[in-house]
Protein backbone atom coordinates (compact mmCIF):
# COMPACT_ATOMS: atom_id res chain seq x y z
CA MET A 1 -0.06 0.00 0.01
CA SER A 2 1.61 3.26 -1.03
CA GLN A 3 1.32 6.43 1.04
CA PRO A 4 0.33 9.81 -0.26
CA GLY A 5 3.33 11.42 -2.01
CA PHE A 6 5.10 8.09 -2.51
CA SER A 7 2.94 6.49 -5.30
CA GLU A 8 4.24 5.34 -8.60
CA ASP A 9 2.31 8.09 -10.28
CA PRO A 10 3.61 11.12 -8.43
CA SER A 11 1.28 14.10 -7.99
CA LYS A 12 2.19 17.42 -9.56
CA PHE A 13 4.71 19.30 -7.53
CA GLU A 14 2.85 22.22 -5.99
CA ALA A 15 3.75 24.24 -3.00
CA GLU A 16 3.50 27.90 -2.08
CA PRO A 17 7.02 29.07 -1.53
CA VAL A 18 7.52 31.84 0.94
CA GLY A 19 9.31 34.97 -0.07
CA LEU A 20 9.32 34.58 -3.90
CA ALA A 21 8.65 37.55 -6.16
CA SER A 22 6.72 37.86 -9.38
CA VAL A 23 7.42 40.20 -12.23
CA GLU A 24 4.85 41.11 -14.94
CA HIS A 25 5.50 40.09 -18.54
CA ALA A 26 8.29 41.78 -20.47
CA ARG A 27 9.03 41.67 -24.21
CA LEU A 28 12.57 40.34 -24.67
CA LYS A 29 14.43 39.97 -27.92
CA ILE A 30 16.43 36.98 -29.00
CA ASP A 31 19.72 37.87 -30.76
CA SER A 32 21.20 36.04 -33.69
CA ALA A 33 23.09 33.68 -31.38
CA GLY A 34 19.85 32.73 -29.51
CA ARG A 35 20.62 34.75 -26.40
CA ILE A 36 18.10 36.53 -24.28
CA VAL A 37 19.03 39.31 -21.85
CA ILE A 38 16.97 38.95 -18.63
CA PRO A 39 16.16 42.24 -17.02
CA ALA A 40 17.64 42.98 -13.58
CA GLU A 41 14.20 43.09 -12.02
CA MET A 42 13.44 39.49 -13.25
CA ARG A 43 16.89 38.28 -12.32
CA ALA A 44 16.33 39.60 -8.79
CA ALA A 45 12.88 37.91 -8.59
CA MET A 46 14.57 34.66 -9.77
CA MET A 47 17.26 35.03 -7.12
CA VAL A 48 20.00 34.62 -9.72
CA LYS A 49 23.18 36.46 -10.11
CA PRO A 50 25.47 36.89 -13.18
CA GLY A 51 27.65 33.85 -13.64
CA GLU A 52 25.30 31.43 -11.76
CA THR A 53 23.91 28.31 -13.53
CA VAL A 54 20.08 27.92 -13.93
CA VAL A 55 17.97 25.10 -15.14
CA ALA A 56 15.82 25.59 -18.20
CA ARG A 57 13.06 23.55 -19.92
CA VAL A 58 10.29 23.98 -22.33
CA VAL A 59 6.75 22.86 -21.14
CA ASP A 60 3.91 23.11 -23.63
CA GLY A 61 5.80 25.58 -25.77
CA GLU A 62 6.69 27.75 -22.72
CA PHE A 63 10.36 28.41 -21.93
CA ARG A 64 10.88 28.19 -18.15
CA ILE A 65 14.09 29.06 -16.24
CA VAL A 66 14.60 28.24 -12.59
CA SER A 67 17.54 29.25 -10.40
CA PRO A 68 18.83 26.78 -7.74
CA ALA A 69 17.81 29.30 -4.99
CA VAL A 70 14.18 29.31 -6.19
CA ALA A 71 14.11 25.50 -6.58
CA LEU A 72 15.33 25.19 -3.04
CA LYS A 73 12.70 27.50 -1.72
CA ARG A 74 10.00 25.46 -3.51
CA VAL A 75 11.34 22.20 -2.02
CA GLN A 76 11.43 23.73 1.37
CA ALA A 77 7.91 24.98 1.06
CA PHE A 78 6.76 21.57 -0.17
CA ALA A 79 8.51 19.87 2.81
CA ARG A 80 6.94 22.34 5.32
CA LYS A 81 3.50 21.67 3.85
CA TRP A 82 3.98 17.94 3.88
CA LYS A 83 5.24 17.99 7.47
CA ALA A 84 2.24 20.11 8.53
CA GLU A 85 -0.11 17.65 6.86
CA HIS A 86 1.61 14.55 8.34
CA PRO A 87 2.47 15.44 11.95
CA GLY A 88 4.57 12.96 13.75
CA GLU A 89 5.51 10.97 10.57
CA SER A 90 9.15 10.68 9.73
CA VAL A 91 10.05 10.21 6.13
CA VAL A 92 13.73 9.72 7.12
CA ASP A 93 12.83 6.93 9.51
CA GLU A 94 10.72 5.26 6.87
CA LEU A 95 13.48 5.56 4.29
CA ILE A 96 16.06 4.06 6.67
CA ALA A 97 13.76 1.18 7.52
CA GLU A 98 13.19 0.46 3.80
CA ARG A 99 16.94 0.50 3.13
CA ARG A 100 17.67 -1.78 6.00
CA GLU A 101 15.09 -4.22 4.80
CA GLU A 102 16.47 -4.10 1.28
CA ALA A 103 20.03 -4.70 2.60
CA ARG A 104 18.76 -7.65 4.64
CA ARG A 105 17.15 -9.17 1.57
CA GLU A 106 20.39 -8.72 -0.38
CA ASP A 107 22.41 -10.30 2.41
CA GLU A 108 20.05 -13.31 2.46
CA ARG A 109 20.38 -13.66 -1.35
CA TYR A 110 24.14 -13.51 -1.29
CA GLU A 111 24.37 -15.99 1.55
CA ARG A 112 22.01 -18.39 -0.39
CA LEU A 113 24.11 -18.07 -3.52
CA ALA A 114 27.35 -18.68 -1.56
CA ARG A 115 25.80 -21.84 -0.02
CA GLU A 116 24.62 -23.09 -3.43
CA GLY A 117 28.15 -22.39 -4.82
CA ARG A 118 29.84 -24.34 -2.02
CA ALA A 119 27.36 -27.21 -2.43
CA ARG A 120 28.10 -27.35 -6.12
CA GLY A 121 31.79 -27.28 -5.39
CA THR A 122 31.67 -30.12 -2.95
CA ALA A 123 29.35 -32.23 -5.09
CA GLY A 124 31.73 -31.83 -8.02
CA ASN A 125 34.63 -33.06 -6.04
CA GLY A 126 33.06 -36.42 -5.27
CA GLY A 127 32.49 -35.60 -1.65
């Protein structure tokens, strides 16, 4: 049974980040090399400085650019919202328990394979 937020078909990432700014539309030109100059007001709202790397993608024909700082704020907002909706639950404890169970199963498998290998080795030696 999967828990909310951990299903195979993840829900759309939505959270209300705190402290993020918006800027109205601006008409920007693309130069012959495909470059776009992002106005200072937009760069400030994106929390990006010259020389920093951003992530870009096209969604339904729309070009979207996200700075690491904004992405982090969104993840933090999502985590705060999730924690508020699931008081007392620890995702970390659940992850550790899952990893320990996975490691236990792997250990059992390797031990079984080793026993089978030893059994084959002794059977092939006539003993």
